[in-house]
Amino acid sequence: MVSVGVDIIAVARIARTLARHGDRFLHKVYTPAEAAYCRGRPAELAVRFAAKEAISKALGTGIAGISWTEMEILADRLGKPTVTLHGRALQRARILGLEEWAVSLSHSDTDAIAMIVATGK
């Protein structure tokens, strides 16, 4: 089984949402570890937002039925992005037999893009 998701978002959209809703937005969309890593860097927040959208597409659910914070994108000790799923997102991945998650993130000053490839049984 292979499942793919991709998403692109304007960094300015995330910056505007953050300016308007502040910590409420951060707590709704990002785990504490993600928020701490990205604080003050809208492009990093945007690329993680895009990754969560891409994960939800790979799961075949869209955002409906799972929480933003059930999908976590952090970096390993070498800086490589990693995906960790929790709760209903993890349950959905198990139902689909998806076990391994590859993520590619990129951003400029204006746009952020994420591609997810999930594989399994």
PDB file of N, CA and C in Angstrom:
ATOM      1  N   MET A   1       0.849  -1.183   0.000  1.00  0.00           N
ATOM      2  CA  MET A   1       0.000   0.000   0.000  1.00  0.00           C
ATOM      3  C   MET A   1       0.890   1.240   0.000  1.00  0.00           C
ATOM      4  N   VAL A   2       0.602   2.159  -0.882  1.00  0.00           N
ATOM      5  CA  VAL A   2       1.281   3.454  -0.929  1.00  0.00           C
ATOM      6  C   VAL A   2       0.205   4.524  -0.993  1.00  0.00           C
ATOM      7  N   SER A   3       0.380   5.563  -0.198  1.00  0.00           N
ATOM      8  CA  SER A   3      -0.556   6.687  -0.225  1.00  0.00           C
ATOM      9  C   SER A   3       0.245   7.981  -0.213  1.00  0.00           C
ATOM     10  N   VAL A   4      -0.189   8.937  -1.023  1.00  0.00           N
ATOM     11  CA  VAL A   4       0.553  10.187  -1.196  1.00  0.00           C
ATOM     12  C   VAL A   4      -0.354  11.371  -0.896  1.00  0.00           C
ATOM     13  N   GLY A   5       0.225  12.417  -0.340  1.00  0.00           N
ATOM     14  CA  GLY A   5      -0.487  13.678  -0.143  1.00  0.00           C
ATOM     15  C   GLY A   5       0.465  14.832  -0.380  1.00  0.00           C
ATOM     16  N   VAL A   6      -0.052  15.915  -0.923  1.00  0.00           N
ATOM     17  CA  VAL A   6       0.759  17.116  -1.152  1.00  0.00           C
ATOM     18  C   VAL A   6      -0.101  18.335  -0.862  1.00  0.00           C
ATOM     19  N   ASP A   7       0.523  19.394  -0.364  1.00  0.00           N
ATOM     20  CA  ASP A   7      -0.208  20.631  -0.104  1.00  0.00           C
ATOM     21  C   ASP A   7       0.757  21.808  -0.194  1.00  0.00           C
ATOM     22  N   ILE A   8       0.220  22.929  -0.625  1.00  0.00           N
ATOM     23  CA  ILE A   8       0.973  24.184  -0.694  1.00  0.00           C
ATOM     24  C   ILE A   8       0.124  25.271  -0.052  1.00  0.00           C
ATOM     25  N   ILE A   9       0.775  26.190   0.640  1.00  0.00           N
ATOM     26  CA  ILE A   9       0.058  27.276   1.301  1.00  0.00           C
ATOM     27  C   ILE A   9       0.911  28.540   1.266  1.00  0.00           C
ATOM     28  N   ALA A  10       0.254  29.669   1.209  1.00  0.00           N
ATOM     29  CA  ALA A  10       0.951  30.961   1.276  1.00  0.00           C
ATOM     30  C   ALA A  10       1.368  31.227   2.722  1.00  0.00           C
ATOM     31  N   VAL A  11       2.627  31.559   2.922  1.00  0.00           N
ATOM     32  CA  VAL A  11       3.132  31.869   4.261  1.00  0.00           C
ATOM     33  C   VAL A  11       2.346  33.036   4.861  1.00  0.00           C
ATOM     34  N   ALA A  12       1.981  34.014   4.041  1.00  0.00           N
ATOM     35  CA  ALA A  12       1.236  35.180   4.537  1.00  0.00           C
ATOM     36  C   ALA A  12      -0.100  34.785   5.149  1.00  0.00           C
ATOM     37  N   ARG A  13      -0.726  33.741   4.634  1.00  0.00           N
ATOM     38  CA  ARG A  13      -2.011  33.291   5.196  1.00  0.00           C
ATOM     39  C   ARG A  13      -1.835  32.830   6.636  1.00  0.00           C
ATOM     40  N   ILE A  14      -0.784  32.064   6.894  1.00  0.00           N
ATOM     41  CA  ILE A  14      -0.512  31.599   8.258  1.00  0.00           C
ATOM     42  C   ILE A  14      -0.114  32.778   9.137  1.00  0.00           C
ATOM     43  N   ALA A  15       0.699  33.689   8.619  1.00  0.00           N
ATOM     44  CA  ALA A  15       1.110  34.869   9.395  1.00  0.00           C
ATOM     45  C   ALA A  15      -0.104  35.704   9.789  1.00  0.00           C
ATOM     46  N   ARG A  16      -1.047  35.892   8.865  1.00  0.00           N
ATOM     47  CA  ARG A  16      -2.274  36.656   9.174  1.00  0.00           C
ATOM     48  C   ARG A  16      -3.116  35.948  10.233  1.00  0.00           C
ATOM     49  N   THR A  17      -3.256  34.644  10.085  1.00  0.00           N
ATOM     50  CA  THR A  17      -4.044  33.875  11.055  1.00  0.00           C
ATOM     51  C   THR A  17      -3.394  33.928  12.427  1.00  0.00           C
ATOM     52  N   LEU A  18      -2.094  33.816  12.477  1.00  0.00           N
ATOM     53  CA  LEU A  18      -1.370  33.904  13.745  1.00  0.00           C
ATOM     54  C   LEU A  18      -1.535  35.282  14.366  1.00  0.00           C
ATOM     55  N   ALA A  19      -1.441  36.333  13.563  1.00  0.00           N
ATOM     56  CA  ALA A  19      -1.610  37.700  14.079  1.00  0.00           C
ATOM     57  C   ALA A  19      -3.021  37.910  14.618  1.00  0.00           C
ATOM     58  N   ARG A  20      -3.990  37.327  13.965  1.00  0.00           N
ATOM     59  CA  ARG A  20      -5.393  37.505  14.354  1.00  0.00           C
ATOM     60  C   ARG A  20      -5.762  36.669  15.577  1.00  0.00           C
ATOM     61  N   HIS A  21      -5.269  35.418  15.643  1.00  0.00           N
ATOM     62  CA  HIS A  21      -5.732  34.490  16.677  1.00  0.00           C
ATOM     63  C   HIS A  21      -4.663  34.082  17.688  1.00  0.00           C
ATOM     64  N   GLY A  22      -3.406  34.394  17.434  1.00  0.00           N
ATOM     65  CA  GLY A  22      -2.324  34.162  18.386  1.00  0.00           C
ATOM     66  C   GLY A  22      -2.231  32.743  18.914  1.00  0.00           C
ATOM     67  N   ASP A  23      -2.093  32.646  20.243  1.00  0.00           N
ATOM     68  CA  ASP A  23      -1.891  31.345  20.878  1.00  0.00           C
ATOM     69  C   ASP A  23      -3.059  30.389  20.661  1.00  0.00           C
ATOM     70  N   ARG A  24      -4.260  30.915  20.501  1.00  0.00           N
ATOM     71  CA  ARG A  24      -5.411  30.039  20.251  1.00  0.00           C
ATOM     72  C   ARG A  24      -5.186  29.223  18.971  1.00  0.00           C
ATOM     73  N   PHE A  25      -4.684  29.885  17.934  1.00  0.00           N
ATOM     74  CA  PHE A  25      -4.363  29.199  16.680  1.00  0.00           C
ATOM     75  C   PHE A  25      -3.234  28.193  16.898  1.00  0.00           C
ATOM     76  N   LEU A  26      -2.177  28.613  17.584  1.00  0.00           N
ATOM     77  CA  LEU A  26      -1.047  27.710  17.829  1.00  0.00           C
ATOM     78  C   LEU A  26      -1.492  26.444  18.546  1.00  0.00           C
ATOM     79  N   HIS A  27      -2.308  26.586  19.603  1.00  0.00           N
ATOM     80  CA  HIS A  27      -2.744  25.430  20.394  1.00  0.00           C
ATOM     81  C   HIS A  27      -3.699  24.523  19.625  1.00  0.00           C
ATOM     82  N   LYS A  28      -4.460  25.087  18.702  1.00  0.00           N
ATOM     83  CA  LYS A  28      -5.407  24.287  17.925  1.00  0.00           C
ATOM     84  C   LYS A  28      -4.710  23.450  16.855  1.00  0.00           C
ATOM     85  N   VAL A  29      -3.664  23.995  16.249  1.00  0.00           N
ATOM     86  CA  VAL A  29      -3.058  23.357  15.079  1.00  0.00           C
ATOM     87  C   VAL A  29      -1.743  22.638  15.390  1.00  0.00           C
ATOM     88  N   TYR A  30      -0.977  23.127  16.343  1.00  0.00           N
ATOM     89  CA  TYR A  30       0.374  22.618  16.570  1.00  0.00           C
ATOM     90  C   TYR A  30       0.522  22.011  17.958  1.00  0.00           C
ATOM     91  N   THR A  31       1.340  20.959  18.039  1.00  0.00           N
ATOM     92  CA  THR A  31       1.670  20.402  19.348  1.00  0.00           C
ATOM     93  C   THR A  31       2.588  21.389  20.065  1.00  0.00           C
ATOM     94  N   PRO A  32       2.722  21.267  21.386  1.00  0.00           N
ATOM     95  CA  PRO A  32       3.634  22.170  22.096  1.00  0.00           C
ATOM     96  C   PRO A  32       5.063  22.136  21.537  1.00  0.00           C
ATOM     97  N   ALA A  33       5.537  20.958  21.161  1.00  0.00           N
ATOM     98  CA  ALA A  33       6.899  20.854  20.612  1.00  0.00           C
ATOM     99  C   ALA A  33       7.006  21.564  19.265  1.00  0.00           C
ATOM    100  N   GLU A  34       5.990  21.432  18.420  1.00  0.00           N
ATOM    101  CA  GLU A  34       5.993  22.126  17.128  1.00  0.00           C
ATOM    102  C   GLU A  34       5.948  23.636  17.330  1.00  0.00           C
ATOM    103  N   ALA A  35       5.076  24.089  18.206  1.00  0.00           N
ATOM    104  CA  ALA A  35       4.933  25.529  18.449  1.00  0.00           C
ATOM    105  C   ALA A  35       6.233  26.115  18.981  1.00  0.00           C
ATOM    106  N   ALA A  36       6.894  25.394  19.878  1.00  0.00           N
ATOM    107  CA  ALA A  36       8.159  25.877  20.432  1.00  0.00           C
ATOM    108  C   ALA A  36       9.229  25.962  19.345  1.00  0.00           C
ATOM    109  N   TYR A  37       9.306  24.953  18.489  1.00  0.00           N
ATOM    110  CA  TYR A  37      10.303  24.934  17.420  1.00  0.00           C
ATOM    111  C   TYR A  37      10.073  26.067  16.423  1.00  0.00           C
ATOM    112  N   CYS A  38       8.814  26.355  16.126  1.00  0.00           N
ATOM    113  CA  CYS A  38       8.467  27.304  15.061  1.00  0.00           C
ATOM    114  C   CYS A  38       8.241  28.730  15.539  1.00  0.00           C
ATOM    115  N   ARG A  39       8.200  28.961  16.824  1.00  0.00           N
ATOM    116  CA  ARG A  39       7.815  30.270  17.349  1.00  0.00           C
ATOM    117  C   ARG A  39       8.596  31.393  16.675  1.00  0.00           C
ATOM    118  N   GLY A  40       7.840  32.371  16.182  1.00  0.00           N
ATOM    119  CA  GLY A  40       8.451  33.531  15.540  1.00  0.00           C
ATOM    120  C   GLY A  40       8.870  33.306  14.097  1.00  0.00           C
ATOM    121  N   ARG A  41       8.547  32.125  13.547  1.00  0.00           N
ATOM    122  CA  ARG A  41       8.949  31.815  12.171  1.00  0.00           C
ATOM    123  C   ARG A  41       7.730  31.344  11.373  1.00  0.00           C
ATOM    124  N   PRO A  42       6.989  32.272  10.790  1.00  0.00           N
ATOM    125  CA  PRO A  42       5.767  31.903  10.064  1.00  0.00           C
ATOM    126  C   PRO A  42       5.988  30.878   8.951  1.00  0.00           C
ATOM    127  N   ALA A  43       7.124  30.909   8.281  1.00  0.00           N
ATOM    128  CA  ALA A  43       7.369  29.936   7.208  1.00  0.00           C
ATOM    129  C   ALA A  43       7.444  28.514   7.765  1.00  0.00           C
ATOM    130  N   GLU A  44       8.021  28.346   8.950  1.00  0.00           N
ATOM    131  CA  GLU A  44       8.092  27.021   9.582  1.00  0.00           C
ATOM    132  C   GLU A  44       6.703  26.549   9.998  1.00  0.00           C
ATOM    133  N   LEU A  45       5.887  27.465  10.518  1.00  0.00           N
ATOM    134  CA  LEU A  45       4.503  27.113  10.846  1.00  0.00           C
ATOM    135  C   LEU A  45       3.740  26.730   9.584  1.00  0.00           C
ATOM    136  N   ALA A  46       3.930  27.498   8.521  1.00  0.00           N
ATOM    137  CA  ALA A  46       3.214  27.244   7.271  1.00  0.00           C
ATOM    138  C   ALA A  46       3.585  25.893   6.675  1.00  0.00           C
ATOM    139  N   VAL A  47       4.858  25.549   6.689  1.00  0.00           N
ATOM    140  CA  VAL A  47       5.267  24.282   6.080  1.00  0.00           C
ATOM    141  C   VAL A  47       4.735  23.099   6.892  1.00  0.00           C
ATOM    142  N   ARG A  48       4.609  23.248   8.193  1.00  0.00           N
ATOM    143  CA  ARG A  48       4.023  22.187   9.013  1.00  0.00           C
ATOM    144  C   ARG A  48       2.508  22.100   8.811  1.00  0.00           C
ATOM    145  N   PHE A  49       1.876  23.252   8.620  1.00  0.00           N
ATOM    146  CA  PHE A  49       0.447  23.261   8.290  1.00  0.00           C
ATOM    147  C   PHE A  49       0.231  22.504   6.979  1.00  0.00           C
ATOM    148  N   ALA A  50       1.048  22.798   5.976  1.00  0.00           N
ATOM    149  CA  ALA A  50       0.951  22.101   4.688  1.00  0.00           C
ATOM    150  C   ALA A  50       1.188  20.602   4.860  1.00  0.00           C
ATOM    151  N   ALA A  51       2.134  20.232   5.715  1.00  0.00           N
ATOM    152  CA  ALA A  51       2.411  18.813   5.952  1.00  0.00           C
ATOM    153  C   ALA A  51       1.209  18.118   6.578  1.00  0.00           C
ATOM    154  N   LYS A  52       0.552  18.786   7.511  1.00  0.00           N
ATOM    155  CA  LYS A  52      -0.630  18.189   8.146  1.00  0.00           C
ATOM    156  C   LYS A  52      -1.759  18.019   7.133  1.00  0.00           C
ATOM    157  N   GLU A  53      -1.930  18.989   6.261  1.00  0.00           N
ATOM    158  CA  GLU A  53      -2.921  18.856   5.182  1.00  0.00           C
ATOM    159  C   GLU A  53      -2.552  17.678   4.277  1.00  0.00           C
ATOM    160  N   ALA A  54      -1.278  17.553   3.939  1.00  0.00           N
ATOM    161  CA  ALA A  54      -0.826  16.459   3.075  1.00  0.00           C
ATOM    162  C   ALA A  54      -1.024  15.104   3.754  1.00  0.00           C
ATOM    163  N   ILE A  55      -0.749  15.023   5.046  1.00  0.00           N
ATOM    164  CA  ILE A  55      -0.969  13.777   5.788  1.00  0.00           C
ATOM    165  C   ILE A  55      -2.444  13.409   5.753  1.00  0.00           C
ATOM    166  N   SER A  56      -3.311  14.389   5.989  1.00  0.00           N
ATOM    167  CA  SER A  56      -4.752  14.105   5.994  1.00  0.00           C
ATOM    168  C   SER A  56      -5.209  13.604   4.622  1.00  0.00           C
ATOM    169  N   LYS A  57      -4.599  14.097   3.568  1.00  0.00           N
ATOM    170  CA  LYS A  57      -4.915  13.609   2.218  1.00  0.00           C
ATOM    171  C   LYS A  57      -4.419  12.175   2.033  1.00  0.00           C
ATOM    172  N   ALA A  58      -3.225  11.883   2.524  1.00  0.00           N
ATOM    173  CA  ALA A  58      -2.697  10.519   2.433  1.00  0.00           C
ATOM    174  C   ALA A  58      -3.552   9.545   3.238  1.00  0.00           C
ATOM    175  N   LEU A  59      -4.139  10.023   4.332  1.00  0.00           N
ATOM    176  CA  LEU A  59      -5.030   9.186   5.140  1.00  0.00           C
ATOM    177  C   LEU A  59      -6.405   9.032   4.498  1.00  0.00           C
ATOM    178  N   GLY A  60      -6.687   9.870   3.503  1.00  0.00           N
ATOM    179  CA  GLY A  60      -7.963   9.791   2.807  1.00  0.00           C
ATOM    180  C   GLY A  60      -9.126  10.398   3.561  1.00  0.00           C
ATOM    181  N   THR A  61      -8.831  11.175   4.598  1.00  0.00           N
ATOM    182  CA  THR A  61      -9.894  11.744   5.429  1.00  0.00           C
ATOM    183  C   THR A  61     -10.077  13.232   5.223  1.00  0.00           C
ATOM    184  N   GLY A  62      -9.047  13.906   4.712  1.00  0.00           N
ATOM    185  CA  GLY A  62      -9.024  15.351   4.854  1.00  0.00           C
ATOM    186  C   GLY A  62      -8.947  15.622   6.351  1.00  0.00           C
ATOM    187  N   ILE A  63      -9.139  16.850   6.737  1.00  0.00           N
ATOM    188  CA  ILE A  63      -9.049  17.195   8.155  1.00  0.00           C
ATOM    189  C   ILE A  63     -10.265  16.703   8.943  1.00  0.00           C
ATOM    190  N   ALA A  64     -11.381  16.460   8.283  1.00  0.00           N
ATOM    191  CA  ALA A  64     -12.582  15.984   8.976  1.00  0.00           C
ATOM    192  C   ALA A  64     -12.292  14.674   9.706  1.00  0.00           C
ATOM    193  N   GLY A  65     -12.658  14.622  10.964  1.00  0.00           N
ATOM    194  CA  GLY A  65     -12.525  13.386  11.719  1.00  0.00           C
ATOM    195  C   GLY A  65     -11.216  13.208  12.452  1.00  0.00           C
ATOM    196  N   ILE A  66     -10.243  14.064  12.204  1.00  0.00           N
ATOM    197  CA  ILE A  66      -8.993  14.003  12.962  1.00  0.00           C
ATOM    198  C   ILE A  66      -8.633  15.408  13.426  1.00  0.00           C
ATOM    199  N   SER A  67      -7.839  15.465  14.456  1.00  0.00           N
ATOM    200  CA  SER A  67      -7.418  16.750  15.015  1.00  0.00           C
ATOM    201  C   SER A  67      -6.051  17.132  14.452  1.00  0.00           C
ATOM    202  N   TRP A  68      -5.856  18.427  14.282  1.00  0.00           N
ATOM    203  CA  TRP A  68      -4.558  18.921  13.795  1.00  0.00           C
ATOM    204  C   TRP A  68      -3.405  18.411  14.657  1.00  0.00           C
ATOM    205  N   THR A  69      -3.604  18.383  15.967  1.00  0.00           N
ATOM    206  CA  THR A  69      -2.507  18.016  16.863  1.00  0.00           C
ATOM    207  C   THR A  69      -2.274  16.511  16.930  1.00  0.00           C
ATOM    208  N   GLU A  70      -3.101  15.728  16.230  1.00  0.00           N
ATOM    209  CA  GLU A  70      -2.860  14.288  16.140  1.00  0.00           C
ATOM    210  C   GLU A  70      -1.804  13.964  15.083  1.00  0.00           C
ATOM    211  N   MET A  71      -1.377  14.982  14.366  1.00  0.00           N
ATOM    212  CA  MET A  71      -0.312  14.852  13.366  1.00  0.00           C
ATOM    213  C   MET A  71       0.819  15.783  13.805  1.00  0.00           C
ATOM    214  N   GLU A  72       1.990  15.226  14.008  1.00  0.00           N
ATOM    215  CA  GLU A  72       3.110  16.017  14.533  1.00  0.00           C
ATOM    216  C   GLU A  72       4.296  15.897  13.592  1.00  0.00           C
ATOM    217  N   ILE A  73       4.854  17.052  13.227  1.00  0.00           N
ATOM    218  CA  ILE A  73       6.010  17.084  12.340  1.00  0.00           C
ATOM    219  C   ILE A  73       7.149  17.760  13.092  1.00  0.00           C
ATOM    220  N   LEU A  74       8.138  16.963  13.444  1.00  0.00           N
ATOM    221  CA  LEU A  74       9.319  17.463  14.148  1.00  0.00           C
ATOM    222  C   LEU A  74      10.556  17.094  13.332  1.00  0.00           C
ATOM    223  N   ALA A  75      11.710  17.429  13.845  1.00  0.00           N
ATOM    224  CA  ALA A  75      12.970  17.095  13.173  1.00  0.00           C
ATOM    225  C   ALA A  75      13.748  16.110  14.032  1.00  0.00           C
ATOM    226  N   ASP A  76      14.417  15.164  13.372  1.00  0.00           N
ATOM    227  CA  ASP A  76      15.288  14.266  14.124  1.00  0.00           C
ATOM    228  C   ASP A  76      16.582  15.001  14.474  1.00  0.00           C
ATOM    229  N   ARG A  77      17.513  14.320  15.081  1.00  0.00           N
ATOM    230  CA  ARG A  77      18.729  14.991  15.561  1.00  0.00           C
ATOM    231  C   ARG A  77      19.587  15.557  14.431  1.00  0.00           C
ATOM    232  N   LEU A  78      19.365  15.074  13.205  1.00  0.00           N
ATOM    233  CA  LEU A  78      20.095  15.592  12.048  1.00  0.00           C
ATOM    234  C   LEU A  78      19.312  16.669  11.300  1.00  0.00           C
ATOM    235  N   GLY A  79      18.107  16.973  11.768  1.00  0.00           N
ATOM    236  CA  GLY A  79      17.288  17.998  11.132  1.00  0.00           C
ATOM    237  C   GLY A  79      16.297  17.477  10.108  1.00  0.00           C
ATOM    238  N   LYS A  80      16.282  16.165   9.883  1.00  0.00           N
ATOM    239  CA  LYS A  80      15.348  15.562   8.923  1.00  0.00           C
ATOM    240  C   LYS A  80      13.937  15.575   9.514  1.00  0.00           C
ATOM    241  N   PRO A  81      12.943  16.055   8.751  1.00  0.00           N
ATOM    242  CA  PRO A  81      11.577  16.068   9.284  1.00  0.00           C
ATOM    243  C   PRO A  81      11.025  14.652   9.454  1.00  0.00           C
ATOM    244  N   THR A  82      10.275  14.471  10.528  1.00  0.00           N
ATOM    245  CA  THR A  82       9.655  13.183  10.826  1.00  0.00           C
ATOM    246  C   THR A  82       8.171  13.387  11.107  1.00  0.00           C
ATOM    247  N   VAL A  83       7.401  12.345  10.881  1.00  0.00           N
ATOM    248  CA  VAL A  83       5.961  12.363  11.143  1.00  0.00           C
ATOM    249  C   VAL A  83       5.664  11.416  12.294  1.00  0.00           C
ATOM    250  N   THR A  84       4.911  11.903  13.273  1.00  0.00           N
ATOM    251  CA  THR A  84       4.389  11.067  14.343  1.00  0.00           C
ATOM    252  C   THR A  84       2.888  11.293  14.406  1.00  0.00           C
ATOM    253  N   LEU A  85       2.139  10.193  14.389  1.00  0.00           N
ATOM    254  CA  LEU A  85       0.685  10.281  14.462  1.00  0.00           C
ATOM    255  C   LEU A  85       0.211   9.863  15.842  1.00  0.00           C
ATOM    256  N   HIS A  86      -0.901  10.455  16.261  1.00  0.00           N
ATOM    257  CA  HIS A  86      -1.515  10.156  17.549  1.00  0.00           C
ATOM    258  C   HIS A  86      -3.018   9.967  17.341  1.00  0.00           C
ATOM    259  N   GLY A  87      -3.684   9.386  18.319  1.00  0.00           N
ATOM    260  CA  GLY A  87      -5.143   9.344  18.346  1.00  0.00           C
ATOM    261  C   GLY A  87      -5.785   8.778  17.088  1.00  0.00           C
ATOM    262  N   ARG A  88      -6.819   9.480  16.602  1.00  0.00           N
ATOM    263  CA  ARG A  88      -7.589   9.012  15.446  1.00  0.00           C
ATOM    264  C   ARG A  88      -6.764   8.976  14.166  1.00  0.00           C
ATOM    265  N   ALA A  89      -5.795   9.860  14.036  1.00  0.00           N
ATOM    266  CA  ALA A  89      -4.925   9.825  12.854  1.00  0.00           C
ATOM    267  C   ALA A  89      -4.124   8.525  12.833  1.00  0.00           C
ATOM    268  N   LEU A  90      -3.605   8.132  13.986  1.00  0.00           N
ATOM    269  CA  LEU A  90      -2.866   6.870  14.084  1.00  0.00           C
ATOM    270  C   LEU A  90      -3.791   5.681  13.830  1.00  0.00           C
ATOM    271  N   GLN A  91      -4.997   5.722  14.379  1.00  0.00           N
ATOM    272  CA  GLN A  91      -5.963   4.639  14.140  1.00  0.00           C
ATOM    273  C   GLN A  91      -6.256   4.492  12.650  1.00  0.00           C
ATOM    274  N   ARG A  92      -6.478   5.605  11.969  1.00  0.00           N
ATOM    275  CA  ARG A  92      -6.773   5.580  10.532  1.00  0.00           C
ATOM    276  C   ARG A  92      -5.590   4.990   9.755  1.00  0.00           C
ATOM    277  N   ALA A  93      -4.371   5.402  10.110  1.00  0.00           N
ATOM    278  CA  ALA A  93      -3.181   4.865   9.445  1.00  0.00           C
ATOM    279  C   ALA A  93      -3.086   3.353   9.635  1.00  0.00           C
ATOM    280  N   ARG A  94      -3.385   2.884  10.835  1.00  0.00           N
ATOM    281  CA  ARG A  94      -3.335   1.438  11.097  1.00  0.00           C
ATOM    282  C   ARG A  94      -4.383   0.690  10.278  1.00  0.00           C
ATOM    283  N   ILE A  95      -5.596   1.249  10.174  1.00  0.00           N
ATOM    284  CA  ILE A  95      -6.650   0.629   9.363  1.00  0.00           C
ATOM    285  C   ILE A  95      -6.185   0.485   7.917  1.00  0.00           C
ATOM    286  N   LEU A  96      -5.503   1.506   7.412  1.00  0.00           N
ATOM    287  CA  LEU A  96      -5.011   1.494   6.032  1.00  0.00           C
ATOM    288  C   LEU A  96      -3.727   0.683   5.864  1.00  0.00           C
ATOM    289  N   GLY A  97      -3.124   0.276   6.980  1.00  0.00           N
ATOM    290  CA  GLY A  97      -1.868  -0.464   6.918  1.00  0.00           C
ATOM    291  C   GLY A  97      -0.659   0.414   6.650  1.00  0.00           C
ATOM    292  N   LEU A  98      -0.791   1.716   6.897  1.00  0.00           N
ATOM    293  CA  LEU A  98       0.313   2.658   6.658  1.00  0.00           C
ATOM    294  C   LEU A  98       1.205   2.725   7.893  1.00  0.00           C
ATOM    295  N   GLU A  99       2.478   2.406   7.703  1.00  0.00           N
ATOM    296  CA  GLU A  99       3.406   2.318   8.830  1.00  0.00           C
ATOM    297  C   GLU A  99       4.597   3.258   8.726  1.00  0.00           C
ATOM    298  N   GLU A 100       5.034   3.539   7.519  1.00  0.00           N
ATOM    299  CA  GLU A 100       6.214   4.381   7.308  1.00  0.00           C
ATOM    300  C   GLU A 100       5.787   5.677   6.624  1.00  0.00           C
ATOM    301  N   TRP A 101       6.344   6.780   7.095  1.00  0.00           N
ATOM    302  CA  TRP A 101       5.973   8.098   6.567  1.00  0.00           C
ATOM    303  C   TRP A 101       7.230   8.839   6.142  1.00  0.00           C
ATOM    304  N   ALA A 102       7.306   9.176   4.861  1.00  0.00           N
ATOM    305  CA  ALA A 102       8.386  10.021   4.351  1.00  0.00           C
ATOM    306  C   ALA A 102       7.798  11.399   4.101  1.00  0.00           C
ATOM    307  N   VAL A 103       8.528  12.420   4.495  1.00  0.00           N
ATOM    308  CA  VAL A 103       8.031  13.790   4.344  1.00  0.00           C
ATOM    309  C   VAL A 103       9.121  14.651   3.731  1.00  0.00           C
ATOM    310  N   SER A 104       8.718  15.483   2.800  1.00  0.00           N
ATOM    311  CA  SER A 104       9.610  16.480   2.214  1.00  0.00           C
ATOM    312  C   SER A 104       8.961  17.842   2.398  1.00  0.00           C
ATOM    313  N   LEU A 105       9.692  18.761   3.003  1.00  0.00           N
ATOM    314  CA  LEU A 105       9.199  20.106   3.288  1.00  0.00           C
ATOM    315  C   LEU A 105      10.081  21.132   2.595  1.00  0.00           C
ATOM    316  N   SER A 106       9.463  22.179   2.083  1.00  0.00           N
ATOM    317  CA  SER A 106      10.225  23.276   1.495  1.00  0.00           C
ATOM    318  C   SER A 106       9.416  24.555   1.607  1.00  0.00           C
ATOM    319  N   HIS A 107      10.127  25.665   1.759  1.00  0.00           N
ATOM    320  CA  HIS A 107       9.426  26.952   1.795  1.00  0.00           C
ATOM    321  C   HIS A 107      10.332  28.065   1.307  1.00  0.00           C
ATOM    322  N   SER A 108       9.689  29.093   0.800  1.00  0.00           N
ATOM    323  CA  SER A 108      10.359  30.346   0.458  1.00  0.00           C
ATOM    324  C   SER A 108       9.775  31.393   1.398  1.00  0.00           C
ATOM    325  N   ASP A 109      10.059  32.646   1.142  1.00  0.00           N
ATOM    326  CA  ASP A 109       9.453  33.701   1.955  1.00  0.00           C
ATOM    327  C   ASP A 109       7.949  33.791   1.728  1.00  0.00           C
ATOM    328  N   THR A 110       7.472  33.295   0.585  1.00  0.00           N
ATOM    329  CA  THR A 110       6.059  33.470   0.239  1.00  0.00           C
ATOM    330  C   THR A 110       5.221  32.196   0.278  1.00  0.00           C
ATOM    331  N   ASP A 111       5.817  31.040   0.028  1.00  0.00           N
ATOM    332  CA  ASP A 111       5.047  29.802  -0.071  1.00  0.00           C
ATOM    333  C   ASP A 111       5.714  28.663   0.681  1.00  0.00           C
ATOM    334  N   ALA A 112       4.875  27.716   1.118  1.00  0.00           N
ATOM    335  CA  ALA A 112       5.368  26.509   1.783  1.00  0.00           C
ATOM    336  C   ALA A 112       4.691  25.306   1.143  1.00  0.00           C
ATOM    337  N   ILE A 113       5.462  24.240   0.940  1.00  0.00           N
ATOM    338  CA  ILE A 113       4.928  23.029   0.312  1.00  0.00           C
ATOM    339  C   ILE A 113       5.401  21.810   1.097  1.00  0.00           C
ATOM    340  N   ALA A 114       4.534  20.814   1.150  1.00  0.00           N
ATOM    341  CA  ALA A 114       4.883  19.557   1.806  1.00  0.00           C
ATOM    342  C   ALA A 114       4.380  18.404   0.955  1.00  0.00           C
ATOM    343  N   MET A 115       5.196  17.359   0.885  1.00  0.00           N
ATOM    344  CA  MET A 115       4.798  16.128   0.210  1.00  0.00           C
ATOM    345  C   MET A 115       4.990  14.976   1.180  1.00  0.00           C
ATOM    346  N   ILE A 116       3.987  14.121   1.242  1.00  0.00           N
ATOM    347  CA  ILE A 116       3.993  12.969   2.132  1.00  0.00           C
ATOM    348  C   ILE A 116       3.849  11.708   1.290  1.00  0.00           C
ATOM    349  N   VAL A 117       4.671  10.709   1.590  1.00  0.00           N
ATOM    350  CA  VAL A 117       4.512   9.382   1.006  1.00  0.00           C
ATOM    351  C   VAL A 117       4.443   8.400   2.173  1.00  0.00           C
ATOM    352  N   ALA A 118       3.312   7.724   2.284  1.00  0.00           N
ATOM    353  CA  ALA A 118       3.112   6.741   3.346  1.00  0.00           C
ATOM    354  C   ALA A 118       3.077   5.356   2.719  1.00  0.00           C
ATOM    355  N   THR A 119       3.748   4.409   3.366  1.00  0.00           N
ATOM    356  CA  THR A 119       3.793   3.046   2.846  1.00  0.00           C
ATOM    357  C   THR A 119       3.469   2.052   3.952  1.00  0.00           C
ATOM    358  N   GLY A 120       3.104   0.875   3.540  1.00  0.00           N
ATOM    359  CA  GLY A 120       2.797  -0.181   4.508  1.00  0.00           C
ATOM    360  C   GLY A 120       2.343  -1.436   3.810  1.00  0.00           C
ATOM    361  N   LYS A 121       1.588  -2.236   4.547  1.00  0.00           N
ATOM    362  CA  LYS A 121       1.124  -3.542   4.078  1.00  0.00           C
ATOM    363  C   LYS A 121       0.239  -3.435   2.864  1.00  0.00           C
TER     364      LYS A 121
END
